[in-house]
Amino acid sequence: MRIRSTKPEFWKSRRITSVSWDARLVLKGLESYVDDNGVGVYDIELIVTDVFPRDMFANGSETVARVSEAISELHQAGLVHRYTSENDHLLFISFWEEVQRIDKPGKGRNPRPDGTMNYRDSAIRDTLASPPETLAPGTGEQGNRGTGEQGSRGAGADAPLSPFCSKHPNGTEDNCRPCGTARTAFARAQAAEKAKPAPMPFTVAPGSICAGGKHVLVADGTCTRCTYRPEVVV
């Protein structure tokens, strides 16, 4: 975790006030979590442990759920970007040089979405409304620092579909054909999700115990003394 600053303009920004209060708090926490190049490992357990350790101890499942939802909201708003590089799941905070002035930045450990590594090296000067979900092979500190193949939002497993186009991530009152196409795809995805069969209920073999080896599980797979749930037994 690192010491970061907050400009007064943050509290007046329209793009910040477009997201929930939870998302704003998580965004400030992520600013301390990421390296000086604005990039951090996208691992929800690491993020929650670093940013909200006491909340994680008090109510782990709720904390993880709220932080996950906030990061998804920030991603949809174009304020953070989730992508992969050489099988690493990464997170980059938009407008990084604009929101954080770092006089003596440390060397970047992971590449940004455009392949650059260090503070002030990036060609990114605005939100990546359609960020590359996966960096092209060879990008990073060694080799060419290209932008990689651009993918549309929702191309990655972690990126939810948006009902708006990349030019209007928060919607628009103007007539926009790409927004109409996005809304159609969004509606189809929602319909497909609703059409999925209900998940199989948890069932357990007789006498099963939880991971700690001390608590007996009830028939639906719920441990009566902790949050452990076993694999489904067919």
C-alpha atoms as a PDB file:
ATOM      1  CA  MET A   1       0.000   0.000   0.000  1.00  0.00           C
ATOM      2  CA  ARG A   2       1.253   3.470  -0.887  1.00  0.00           C
ATOM      3  CA  ILE A   3       0.544   7.044   0.166  1.00  0.00           C
ATOM      4  CA  ARG A   4      -1.507   8.827  -2.508  1.00  0.00           C
ATOM      5  CA  SER A   5      -3.025  12.278  -2.836  1.00  0.00           C
ATOM      6  CA  THR A   6      -6.575  13.328  -3.658  1.00  0.00           C
ATOM      7  CA  LYS A   7      -7.183  16.458  -5.701  1.00  0.00           C
ATOM      8  CA  PRO A   8     -10.153  18.667  -4.751  1.00  0.00           C
ATOM      9  CA  GLU A   9     -11.521  18.174  -8.260  1.00  0.00           C
ATOM     10  CA  PHE A  10     -12.155  14.511  -7.440  1.00  0.00           C
ATOM     11  CA  TRP A  11     -15.219  15.392  -5.356  1.00  0.00           C
ATOM     12  CA  LYS A  12     -16.711  17.554  -8.135  1.00  0.00           C
ATOM     13  CA  SER A  13     -15.987  15.271 -11.072  1.00  0.00           C
ATOM     14  CA  ARG A  14     -19.023  14.152 -13.076  1.00  0.00           C
ATOM     15  CA  ARG A  15     -17.421  10.852 -13.969  1.00  0.00           C
ATOM     16  CA  ILE A  16     -16.770  10.154 -10.274  1.00  0.00           C
ATOM     17  CA  THR A  17     -20.291  11.085  -9.182  1.00  0.00           C
ATOM     18  CA  SER A  18     -21.659   8.761 -11.876  1.00  0.00           C
ATOM     19  CA  VAL A  19     -20.722   5.764  -9.696  1.00  0.00           C
ATOM     20  CA  SER A  20     -21.916   4.716  -6.253  1.00  0.00           C
ATOM     21  CA  TRP A  21     -20.337   5.753  -2.955  1.00  0.00           C
ATOM     22  CA  ASP A  22     -19.003   2.214  -2.494  1.00  0.00           C
ATOM     23  CA  ALA A  23     -17.288   2.417  -5.873  1.00  0.00           C
ATOM     24  CA  ARG A  24     -15.723   5.789  -5.046  1.00  0.00           C
ATOM     25  CA  LEU A  25     -14.278   4.451  -1.785  1.00  0.00           C
ATOM     26  CA  VAL A  26     -12.936   1.344  -3.507  1.00  0.00           C
ATOM     27  CA  LEU A  27     -11.363   3.514  -6.216  1.00  0.00           C
ATOM     28  CA  LYS A  28      -9.458   5.518  -3.581  1.00  0.00           C
ATOM     29  CA  GLY A  29      -8.335   2.263  -1.989  1.00  0.00           C
ATOM     30  CA  LEU A  30      -7.160   0.925  -5.353  1.00  0.00           C
ATOM     31  CA  GLU A  31      -5.036   4.038  -5.857  1.00  0.00           C
ATOM     32  CA  SER A  32      -2.998   3.005  -2.819  1.00  0.00           C
ATOM     33  CA  TYR A  33      -3.026  -0.660  -3.853  1.00  0.00           C
ATOM     34  CA  VAL A  34      -1.580  -0.276  -7.374  1.00  0.00           C
ATOM     35  CA  ASP A  35       2.071   0.375  -8.236  1.00  0.00           C
ATOM     36  CA  ASP A  36       3.338   3.810  -9.261  1.00  0.00           C
ATOM     37  CA  ASN A  37       2.460   3.059 -12.904  1.00  0.00           C
ATOM     38  CA  GLY A  38      -1.212   2.642 -11.975  1.00  0.00           C
ATOM     39  CA  VAL A  39      -1.234  -1.151 -12.411  1.00  0.00           C
ATOM     40  CA  GLY A  40      -1.966  -3.812  -9.809  1.00  0.00           C
ATOM     41  CA  VAL A  41      -2.638  -7.536  -9.793  1.00  0.00           C
ATOM     42  CA  TYR A  42      -6.370  -8.133 -10.176  1.00  0.00           C
ATOM     43  CA  ASP A  43      -6.855 -10.626  -7.366  1.00  0.00           C
ATOM     44  CA  ILE A  44      -9.915  -9.824  -5.284  1.00  0.00           C
ATOM     45  CA  GLU A  45      -8.510 -11.603  -2.232  1.00  0.00           C
ATOM     46  CA  LEU A  46      -5.299  -9.563  -2.316  1.00  0.00           C
ATOM     47  CA  ILE A  47      -7.202  -6.335  -2.898  1.00  0.00           C
ATOM     48  CA  VAL A  48      -9.632  -6.887  -0.037  1.00  0.00           C
ATOM     49  CA  THR A  49      -6.878  -8.036   2.332  1.00  0.00           C
ATOM     50  CA  ASP A  50      -4.799  -4.920   1.602  1.00  0.00           C
ATOM     51  CA  VAL A  51      -7.549  -2.299   1.374  1.00  0.00           C
ATOM     52  CA  PHE A  52     -10.204  -3.546   3.815  1.00  0.00           C
ATOM     53  CA  PRO A  53      -8.427  -5.896   6.265  1.00  0.00           C
ATOM     54  CA  ARG A  54     -10.689  -5.214   9.265  1.00  0.00           C
ATOM     55  CA  ASP A  55     -13.872  -5.526   7.197  1.00  0.00           C
ATOM     56  CA  MET A  56     -12.541  -8.788   5.767  1.00  0.00           C
ATOM     57  CA  PHE A  57     -11.986 -10.125   9.274  1.00  0.00           C
ATOM     58  CA  ALA A  58     -15.400  -8.977  10.517  1.00  0.00           C
ATOM     59  CA  ASN A  59     -17.482 -10.126   7.530  1.00  0.00           C
ATOM     60  CA  GLY A  60     -15.387 -11.656   4.764  1.00  0.00           C
ATOM     61  CA  SER A  61     -18.090 -12.808   2.353  1.00  0.00           C
ATOM     62  CA  GLU A  62     -19.967  -9.500   2.375  1.00  0.00           C
ATOM     63  CA  THR A  63     -16.744  -7.499   1.986  1.00  0.00           C
ATOM     64  CA  VAL A  64     -15.605  -9.564  -0.993  1.00  0.00           C
ATOM     65  CA  ALA A  65     -19.032  -9.241  -2.632  1.00  0.00           C
ATOM     66  CA  ARG A  66     -19.215  -5.454  -2.175  1.00  0.00           C
ATOM     67  CA  VAL A  67     -15.665  -4.849  -3.419  1.00  0.00           C
ATOM     68  CA  SER A  68     -16.193  -7.136  -6.426  1.00  0.00           C
ATOM     69  CA  GLU A  69     -19.400  -5.310  -7.331  1.00  0.00           C
ATOM     70  CA  ALA A  70     -17.709  -1.917  -6.926  1.00  0.00           C
ATOM     71  CA  ILE A  71     -14.806  -2.894  -9.204  1.00  0.00           C
ATOM     72  CA  SER A  72     -17.257  -4.126 -11.845  1.00  0.00           C
ATOM     73  CA  GLU A  73     -19.077  -0.797 -11.611  1.00  0.00           C
ATOM     74  CA  LEU A  74     -15.800   1.130 -11.956  1.00  0.00           C
ATOM     75  CA  HIS A  75     -14.894  -0.994 -14.976  1.00  0.00           C
ATOM     76  CA  GLN A  76     -18.243  -0.313 -16.640  1.00  0.00           C
ATOM     77  CA  ALA A  77     -17.774   3.409 -16.023  1.00  0.00           C
ATOM     78  CA  GLY A  78     -14.318   3.322 -17.633  1.00  0.00           C
ATOM     79  CA  LEU A  79     -12.577   4.330 -14.389  1.00  0.00           C
ATOM     80  CA  VAL A  80     -10.576   1.098 -14.114  1.00  0.00           C
ATOM     81  CA  HIS A  81      -9.661  -1.524 -16.681  1.00  0.00           C
ATOM     82  CA  ARG A  82      -9.264  -5.256 -16.217  1.00  0.00           C
ATOM     83  CA  TYR A  83      -7.104  -7.212 -18.664  1.00  0.00           C
ATOM     84  CA  THR A  84      -4.581 -10.049 -18.850  1.00  0.00           C
ATOM     85  CA  SER A  85      -0.878 -10.124 -19.712  1.00  0.00           C
ATOM     86  CA  GLU A  86       0.932 -13.431 -20.045  1.00  0.00           C
ATOM     87  CA  ASN A  87      -1.803 -15.146 -18.029  1.00  0.00           C
ATOM     88  CA  ASP A  88      -1.664 -12.520 -15.250  1.00  0.00           C
ATOM     89  CA  HIS A  89      -4.937 -10.783 -14.409  1.00  0.00           C
ATOM     90  CA  LEU A  90      -4.234  -7.062 -14.033  1.00  0.00           C
ATOM     91  CA  LEU A  91      -6.065  -3.871 -13.184  1.00  0.00           C
ATOM     92  CA  PHE A  92      -5.206  -0.346 -14.400  1.00  0.00           C
ATOM     93  CA  ILE A  93      -6.653   2.918 -13.042  1.00  0.00           C
ATOM     94  CA  SER A  94      -7.736   5.343 -15.770  1.00  0.00           C
ATOM     95  CA  PHE A  95      -6.395   8.896 -15.994  1.00  0.00           C
ATOM     96  CA  TRP A  96      -3.496   7.820 -13.748  1.00  0.00           C
ATOM     97  CA  GLU A  97      -1.060  10.658 -14.520  1.00  0.00           C
ATOM     98  CA  GLU A  98      -3.969  13.088 -14.296  1.00  0.00           C
ATOM     99  CA  VAL A  99      -5.075  12.048 -10.813  1.00  0.00           C
ATOM    100  CA  GLN A 100      -1.707  11.171  -9.255  1.00  0.00           C
ATOM    101  CA  ARG A 101       1.495  13.195  -9.380  1.00  0.00           C
ATOM    102  CA  ILE A 102       4.438  11.019  -8.347  1.00  0.00           C
ATOM    103  CA  ASP A 103       7.803  12.789  -8.098  1.00  0.00           C
ATOM    104  CA  LYS A 104       9.993   9.709  -7.711  1.00  0.00           C
ATOM    105  CA  PRO A 105       8.016   6.810  -9.178  1.00  0.00           C
ATOM    106  CA  GLY A 106       9.138   3.249  -8.675  1.00  0.00           C
ATOM    107  CA  LYS A 107       9.718   0.963 -11.606  1.00  0.00           C
ATOM    108  CA  GLY A 108       6.594  -0.760 -12.896  1.00  0.00           C
ATOM    109  CA  ARG A 109       6.282  -4.493 -12.279  1.00  0.00           C
ATOM    110  CA  ASN A 110       3.424  -5.163 -14.700  1.00  0.00           C
ATOM    111  CA  PRO A 111       2.557  -3.599 -18.087  1.00  0.00           C
ATOM    112  CA  ARG A 112      -0.283  -1.193 -18.677  1.00  0.00           C
ATOM    113  CA  PRO A 113      -2.965  -1.962 -21.267  1.00  0.00           C
ATOM    114  CA  ASP A 114      -0.847  -0.222 -23.929  1.00  0.00           C
ATOM    115  CA  GLY A 115       2.223  -2.326 -23.075  1.00  0.00           C
ATOM    116  CA  THR A 116       4.273   0.404 -21.367  1.00  0.00           C
ATOM    117  CA  MET A 117       5.714  -0.213 -17.923  1.00  0.00           C
ATOM    118  CA  ASN A 118       6.573   2.999 -16.098  1.00  0.00           C
ATOM    119  CA  TYR A 119       4.964   6.212 -14.878  1.00  0.00           C
ATOM    120  CA  ARG A 120       4.804   8.890 -17.621  1.00  0.00           C
ATOM    121  CA  ASP A 121       5.714   6.305 -20.321  1.00  0.00           C
ATOM    122  CA  SER A 122       2.128   5.566 -21.214  1.00  0.00           C
ATOM    123  CA  ALA A 123       0.445   6.801 -24.355  1.00  0.00           C
ATOM    124  CA  ILE A 124      -2.897   6.553 -22.543  1.00  0.00           C
ATOM    125  CA  ARG A 125      -4.271  10.040 -21.976  1.00  0.00           C
ATOM    126  CA  ASP A 126      -7.964   9.269 -21.625  1.00  0.00           C
ATOM    127  CA  THR A 127     -10.275   6.493 -20.561  1.00  0.00           C
ATOM    128  CA  LEU A 128      -9.963   3.229 -22.459  1.00  0.00           C
ATOM    129  CA  ALA A 129     -13.640   2.784 -23.160  1.00  0.00           C
ATOM    130  CA  SER A 130     -12.784  -0.387 -25.101  1.00  0.00           C
ATOM    131  CA  PRO A 131      -9.543  -1.562 -23.465  1.00  0.00           C
ATOM    132  CA  PRO A 132      -7.580  -4.558 -24.763  1.00  0.00           C
ATOM    133  CA  GLU A 133      -8.654  -7.495 -22.645  1.00  0.00           C
ATOM    134  CA  THR A 134      -5.392  -9.324 -23.397  1.00  0.00           C
ATOM    135  CA  LEU A 135      -2.042  -7.788 -24.267  1.00  0.00           C
ATOM    136  CA  ALA A 136      -0.404  -9.010 -27.436  1.00  0.00           C
ATOM    137  CA  PRO A 137       2.505 -11.472 -26.903  1.00  0.00           C
ATOM    138  CA  GLY A 138       5.826  -9.700 -26.512  1.00  0.00           C
ATOM    139  CA  THR A 139       4.449  -6.539 -24.935  1.00  0.00           C
ATOM    140  CA  GLY A 140       5.834  -5.360 -21.668  1.00  0.00           C
ATOM    141  CA  GLU A 141       9.275  -4.219 -20.528  1.00  0.00           C
ATOM    142  CA  GLN A 142      11.091  -6.284 -23.134  1.00  0.00           C
ATOM    143  CA  GLY A 143      10.370  -6.178 -26.843  1.00  0.00           C
ATOM    144  CA  ASN A 144       7.913  -3.995 -28.713  1.00  0.00           C
ATOM    145  CA  ARG A 145       5.500  -1.923 -26.668  1.00  0.00           C
ATOM    146  CA  GLY A 146       2.480  -2.015 -28.913  1.00  0.00           C
ATOM    147  CA  THR A 147      -1.098  -1.616 -27.955  1.00  0.00           C
ATOM    148  CA  GLY A 148      -2.078  -5.215 -28.637  1.00  0.00           C
ATOM    149  CA  GLU A 149      -5.305  -6.320 -30.206  1.00  0.00           C
ATOM    150  CA  GLN A 150      -8.211  -4.131 -29.181  1.00  0.00           C
ATOM    151  CA  GLY A 151     -11.204  -6.051 -27.904  1.00  0.00           C
ATOM    152  CA  SER A 152     -14.693  -4.821 -27.252  1.00  0.00           C
ATOM    153  CA  ARG A 153     -16.007  -4.625 -23.720  1.00  0.00           C
ATOM    154  CA  GLY A 154     -17.269  -7.960 -22.633  1.00  0.00           C
ATOM    155  CA  ALA A 155     -14.693  -9.867 -24.700  1.00  0.00           C
ATOM    156  CA  GLY A 156     -12.963 -11.036 -21.520  1.00  0.00           C
ATOM    157  CA  ALA A 157     -14.472 -13.344 -18.951  1.00  0.00           C
ATOM    158  CA  ASP A 158     -14.312 -10.678 -16.230  1.00  0.00           C
ATOM    159  CA  ALA A 159     -15.691  -7.797 -18.273  1.00  0.00           C
ATOM    160  CA  PRO A 160     -19.489  -7.466 -18.179  1.00  0.00           C
ATOM    161  CA  LEU A 161     -21.397  -6.306 -21.223  1.00  0.00           C
ATOM    162  CA  SER A 162     -22.530  -2.695 -21.339  1.00  0.00           C
ATOM    163  CA  PRO A 163     -25.782  -1.391 -22.851  1.00  0.00           C
ATOM    164  CA  PHE A 164     -23.798   1.559 -24.258  1.00  0.00           C
ATOM    165  CA  CYS A 165     -21.106   1.925 -26.900  1.00  0.00           C
ATOM    166  CA  SER A 166     -17.445   2.679 -26.164  1.00  0.00           C
ATOM    167  CA  LYS A 167     -17.880   6.347 -27.108  1.00  0.00           C
ATOM    168  CA  HIS A 168     -20.728   6.800 -24.616  1.00  0.00           C
ATOM    169  CA  PRO A 169     -19.856   4.549 -21.625  1.00  0.00           C
ATOM    170  CA  ASN A 170     -22.425   6.359 -19.465  1.00  0.00           C
ATOM    171  CA  GLY A 171     -25.115   6.672 -22.152  1.00  0.00           C
ATOM    172  CA  THR A 172     -26.238   9.581 -24.315  1.00  0.00           C
ATOM    173  CA  GLU A 173     -29.468  11.323 -25.290  1.00  0.00           C
ATOM    174  CA  ASP A 174     -28.278  11.611 -28.899  1.00  0.00           C
ATOM    175  CA  ASN A 175     -29.148   9.074 -31.576  1.00  0.00           C
ATOM    176  CA  CYS A 176     -26.276   6.578 -31.657  1.00  0.00           C
ATOM    177  CA  ARG A 177     -26.334   3.437 -33.783  1.00  0.00           C
ATOM    178  CA  PRO A 178     -23.469   1.707 -31.884  1.00  0.00           C
ATOM    179  CA  CYS A 179     -25.383   2.303 -28.637  1.00  0.00           C
ATOM    180  CA  GLY A 180     -28.425   0.644 -30.198  1.00  0.00           C
ATOM    181  CA  THR A 181     -26.311  -2.337 -31.239  1.00  0.00           C
ATOM    182  CA  ALA A 182     -24.845  -2.539 -27.728  1.00  0.00           C
ATOM    183  CA  ARG A 183     -28.318  -2.451 -26.162  1.00  0.00           C
ATOM    184  CA  THR A 184     -29.467  -5.290 -28.422  1.00  0.00           C
ATOM    185  CA  ALA A 185     -26.453  -7.428 -27.462  1.00  0.00           C
ATOM    186  CA  PHE A 186     -26.976  -6.549 -23.803  1.00  0.00           C
ATOM    187  CA  ALA A 187     -30.652  -7.574 -23.936  1.00  0.00           C
ATOM    188  CA  ARG A 188     -29.789 -10.857 -25.669  1.00  0.00           C
ATOM    189  CA  ALA A 189     -27.139 -11.628 -23.054  1.00  0.00           C
ATOM    190  CA  GLN A 190     -29.613 -10.957 -20.238  1.00  0.00           C
ATOM    191  CA  ALA A 191     -32.208 -13.183 -21.901  1.00  0.00           C
ATOM    192  CA  ALA A 192     -29.635 -15.971 -22.332  1.00  0.00           C
ATOM    193  CA  GLU A 193     -28.640 -15.658 -18.687  1.00  0.00           C
ATOM    194  CA  LYS A 194     -32.261 -15.962 -17.549  1.00  0.00           C
ATOM    195  CA  ALA A 195     -32.739 -19.002 -19.796  1.00  0.00           C
ATOM    196  CA  LYS A 196     -29.934 -20.948 -18.106  1.00  0.00           C
ATOM    197  CA  PRO A 197     -31.106 -23.898 -15.996  1.00  0.00           C
ATOM    198  CA  ALA A 198     -31.062 -23.473 -12.248  1.00  0.00           C
ATOM    199  CA  PRO A 199     -27.790 -24.577 -10.646  1.00  0.00           C
ATOM    200  CA  MET A 200     -27.665 -27.997  -9.089  1.00  0.00           C
ATOM    201  CA  PRO A 201     -28.215 -27.781  -5.320  1.00  0.00           C
ATOM    202  CA  PHE A 202     -25.335 -28.766  -3.064  1.00  0.00           C
ATOM    203  CA  THR A 203     -25.513 -32.362  -1.890  1.00  0.00           C
ATOM    204  CA  VAL A 204     -22.972 -34.127   0.274  1.00  0.00           C
ATOM    205  CA  ALA A 205     -21.981 -37.686   0.980  1.00  0.00           C
ATOM    206  CA  PRO A 206     -23.091 -39.079   4.354  1.00  0.00           C
ATOM    207  CA  GLY A 207     -20.750 -38.115   7.175  1.00  0.00           C
ATOM    208  CA  SER A 208     -18.928 -35.374   5.244  1.00  0.00           C
ATOM    209  CA  ILE A 209     -17.057 -32.778   7.258  1.00  0.00           C
ATOM    210  CA  CYS A 210     -15.807 -29.304   6.355  1.00  0.00           C
ATOM    211  CA  ALA A 211     -12.237 -28.392   5.414  1.00  0.00           C
ATOM    212  CA  GLY A 212     -11.211 -27.869   9.038  1.00  0.00           C
ATOM    213  CA  GLY A 213     -12.216 -31.427   9.857  1.00  0.00           C
ATOM    214  CA  LYS A 214     -14.279 -30.393  12.877  1.00  0.00           C
ATOM    215  CA  HIS A 215     -17.740 -29.388  11.645  1.00  0.00           C
ATOM    216  CA  VAL A 216     -20.384 -31.765  10.305  1.00  0.00           C
ATOM    217  CA  LEU A 217     -22.252 -30.617   7.195  1.00  0.00           C
ATOM    218  CA  VAL A 218     -26.018 -30.683   6.812  1.00  0.00           C
ATOM    219  CA  ALA A 219     -27.684 -32.230   3.764  1.00  0.00           C
ATOM    220  CA  ASP A 220     -27.520 -29.163   1.511  1.00  0.00           C
ATOM    221  CA  GLY A 221     -23.751 -28.849   1.996  1.00  0.00           C
ATOM    222  CA  THR A 222     -23.831 -25.984   4.483  1.00  0.00           C
ATOM    223  CA  CYS A 223     -21.578 -26.122   7.493  1.00  0.00           C
ATOM    224  CA  THR A 224     -23.466 -24.985  10.570  1.00  0.00           C
ATOM    225  CA  ARG A 225     -20.380 -23.403  12.151  1.00  0.00           C
ATOM    226  CA  CYS A 226     -18.435 -21.849   9.273  1.00  0.00           C
ATOM    227  CA  THR A 227     -18.874 -20.719   5.658  1.00  0.00           C
ATOM    228  CA  TYR A 228     -17.366 -23.826   4.044  1.00  0.00           C
ATOM    229  CA  ARG A 229     -19.294 -25.423   1.184  1.00  0.00           C
ATOM    230  CA  PRO A 230     -18.040 -28.654  -0.452  1.00  0.00           C
ATOM    231  CA  GLU A 231     -17.927 -29.586  -4.085  1.00  0.00           C
ATOM    232  CA  VAL A 232     -21.137 -30.930  -5.563  1.00  0.00           C
ATOM    233  CA  VAL A 233     -21.405 -34.693  -5.207  1.00  0.00           C
ATOM    234  CA  VAL A 234     -23.282 -36.269  -8.101  1.00  0.00           C
END
